[in-house]
Protein backbone atom coordinates (compact mmCIF):
# COMPACT_ATOMS: atom_id res chain seq x y z
CA UNK A 1 298.92 -145.66 -55.98
CA UNK A 2 295.19 -145.26 -56.78
CA UNK A 3 294.67 -143.16 -53.95
CA UNK A 4 297.54 -140.79 -54.81
CA UNK A 5 296.06 -140.56 -58.35
CA UNK A 6 292.46 -139.79 -57.13
CA UNK A 7 293.97 -137.22 -54.71
CA UNK A 8 295.90 -135.53 -57.61
CA UNK A 9 293.03 -135.31 -59.70
CA UNK A 10 290.84 -133.70 -56.97
CA UNK A 11 293.44 -130.89 -56.18
CA UNK A 12 293.91 -130.19 -59.89
CA UNK A 13 290.14 -130.02 -60.20
CA UNK A 14 289.74 -127.71 -57.21
CA UNK A 15 292.56 -125.66 -58.52
CA UNK A 16 290.80 -124.97 -61.90
CA UNK A 17 287.42 -124.29 -59.93
CA UNK A 18 289.00 -121.48 -57.86
CA UNK A 19 291.00 -120.02 -60.72
CA UNK A 20 287.92 -119.70 -62.92
CA UNK A 21 285.96 -117.63 -60.20
CA UNK A 22 288.79 -115.04 -60.53
CA UNK A 23 288.31 -113.90 -64.10
CA UNK A 24 286.16 -111.25 -65.56
CA UNK A 25 284.26 -110.99 -68.62
CA UNK A 26 283.70 -107.58 -70.75
CA UNK A 27 280.93 -107.77 -73.05
CA UNK A 28 280.67 -105.29 -76.14
CA UNK A 29 277.34 -105.50 -77.81
CA UNK A 30 276.37 -103.63 -80.81
CA UNK A 31 273.77 -100.72 -80.08
CA UNK A 32 271.44 -102.10 -82.69
CA UNK A 33 270.76 -105.10 -80.50
CA UNK A 34 269.30 -102.90 -77.68
CA UNK A 35 267.02 -101.28 -80.39
CA UNK A 36 265.80 -104.85 -81.64
CA UNK A 37 264.95 -105.72 -78.18
CA UNK A 38 262.94 -102.67 -77.62
CA UNK A 39 261.07 -103.10 -80.92
CA UNK A 40 260.35 -106.79 -80.08
CA UNK A 41 258.84 -105.54 -76.60
CA UNK A 42 256.53 -103.18 -78.43
CA UNK A 43 255.25 -105.77 -80.75
CA UNK A 44 254.76 -108.10 -77.83
CA UNK A 45 252.66 -105.59 -75.74
CA UNK A 46 250.54 -104.99 -79.09
CA UNK A 47 249.70 -108.41 -79.60
CA UNK A 48 250.08 -110.53 -76.48
CA UNK A 49 247.84 -113.41 -77.15
CA UNK A 50 248.37 -116.84 -79.05
CA UNK A 51 246.68 -120.23 -79.47
CA UNK A 52 246.43 -121.92 -76.29
CA UNK A 53 243.62 -123.53 -74.13
CA UNK A 54 240.82 -122.46 -71.71
CA UNK A 55 238.21 -124.11 -69.65
CA UNK A 56 234.78 -123.35 -70.80
CA UNK A 57 232.63 -122.65 -67.76
CA UNK A 58 229.45 -120.97 -69.09
CA UNK A 59 227.44 -119.87 -72.29
CA UNK A 60 223.94 -118.39 -72.46
CA UNK A 61 221.73 -116.43 -74.73
CA UNK A 62 218.83 -114.35 -73.73
CA UNK A 63 217.74 -111.10 -72.01
CA UNK A 64 219.06 -112.30 -68.48
CA UNK A 65 222.33 -113.89 -69.96
CA UNK A 66 224.59 -111.12 -68.67
CA UNK A 67 223.27 -111.01 -65.16
CA UNK A 68 223.48 -114.70 -64.96
CA UNK A 69 227.11 -114.64 -66.41
CA UNK A 70 228.16 -112.06 -63.85
CA UNK A 71 226.72 -114.39 -60.90
CA UNK A 72 228.55 -117.44 -62.18
CA UNK A 73 231.78 -115.16 -62.70
CA UNK A 74 231.51 -114.07 -58.97
CA UNK A 75 230.98 -117.57 -57.72
CA UNK A 76 233.97 -118.82 -59.74
CA UNK A 77 236.30 -116.01 -58.57
CA UNK A 78 235.36 -117.01 -54.99
CA UNK A 79 235.98 -120.46 -55.63
CA UNK A 80 239.04 -120.21 -57.70
CA UNK A 81 240.77 -116.76 -57.08
CA UNK A 82 244.05 -117.92 -58.55
CA UNK A 83 242.61 -118.76 -61.82
CA UNK A 84 241.77 -115.69 -64.12
CA UNK A 85 238.34 -115.80 -65.85
CA UNK A 86 237.08 -113.84 -68.98
CA UNK A 87 233.69 -112.89 -69.73
CA UNK A 88 233.16 -112.27 -73.77
CA UNK A 89 230.42 -111.64 -75.95
CA UNK A 90 230.30 -113.48 -79.39
CA UNK A 91 227.06 -112.82 -80.79
CA UNK A 92 224.63 -114.14 -79.56
CA UNK A 93 226.24 -115.55 -76.48
CA UNK A 94 227.81 -114.58 -73.42
CA UNK A 95 230.68 -116.78 -72.58
CA UNK A 96 232.84 -117.51 -69.46
CA UNK A 97 236.17 -119.13 -70.00
CA UNK A 98 238.86 -119.58 -67.44
CA UNK A 99 242.79 -119.73 -67.51
CA UNK A 100 245.58 -119.31 -69.95
CA UNK A 101 246.96 -122.79 -70.59
CA UNK A 102 249.70 -123.29 -73.24
CA UNK A 103 248.77 -127.06 -73.80
CA UNK A 104 245.96 -129.21 -73.06
CA UNK A 105 247.48 -131.09 -70.50
CA UNK A 106 247.87 -128.04 -68.11
CA UNK A 107 244.16 -127.34 -68.87
CA UNK A 108 243.00 -130.74 -68.19
CA UNK A 109 244.81 -130.83 -64.90
CA UNK A 110 243.14 -127.62 -63.92
CA UNK A 111 239.62 -128.96 -65.21
CA UNK A 112 239.91 -131.78 -62.75
CA UNK A 113 240.03 -128.97 -59.83
CA UNK A 114 236.96 -127.15 -61.24
CA UNK A 115 234.90 -129.95 -62.35
CA UNK A 116 233.33 -130.62 -59.00
CA UNK A 117 231.76 -127.28 -58.68
CA UNK A 118 231.06 -126.54 -62.28
CA UNK A 119 229.81 -129.73 -63.73
CA UNK A 120 229.45 -128.50 -67.11
CA UNK A 121 233.13 -127.15 -67.62
CA UNK A 122 235.16 -128.58 -70.45
CA UNK A 123 238.39 -127.82 -72.11
CA UNK A 124 238.42 -125.80 -75.41
CA UNK A 125 240.93 -124.03 -77.63
CA UNK A 126 241.21 -120.33 -77.43
CA UNK A 127 243.39 -117.49 -77.80
CA UNK A 128 245.28 -116.93 -74.49
CA UNK A 129 247.28 -114.09 -73.06
CA UNK A 130 251.19 -114.53 -72.93
CA UNK A 131 252.87 -113.93 -69.68
CA UNK A 132 254.25 -110.36 -69.03
CA UNK A 133 257.73 -109.69 -69.75
CA UNK A 134 259.67 -107.97 -66.88
CA UNK A 135 261.47 -105.00 -68.09
CA UNK A 136 265.19 -104.82 -67.00
């Protein structure tokens, strides 16, 4: 009796599964929705940064700071081509910071990779870039 019941349940389930695959869905959306999506994309392109974390690699002041920063940047890019690095000038320092991490855990994980080559590196809060939205 149990076998017949289980077989019946399996057949009914299979019938419903196949029946659902044959239907169609018509979606009617208000034209204002597409307008709102377009405006959101424009705002996103204007300000694509938000609070996150980066790995601080280098900071220096002085006459040779820019040249030294460029050398460290090239060295970093050769060692870690998959991690973006940013050179900034915040008076009076040239700084190198790497990555765009949404949370500290991601940054700390990456720091473990970087630390053997760049011993002075540490995680710091920073404004990071949002990932790009693919236009459909």
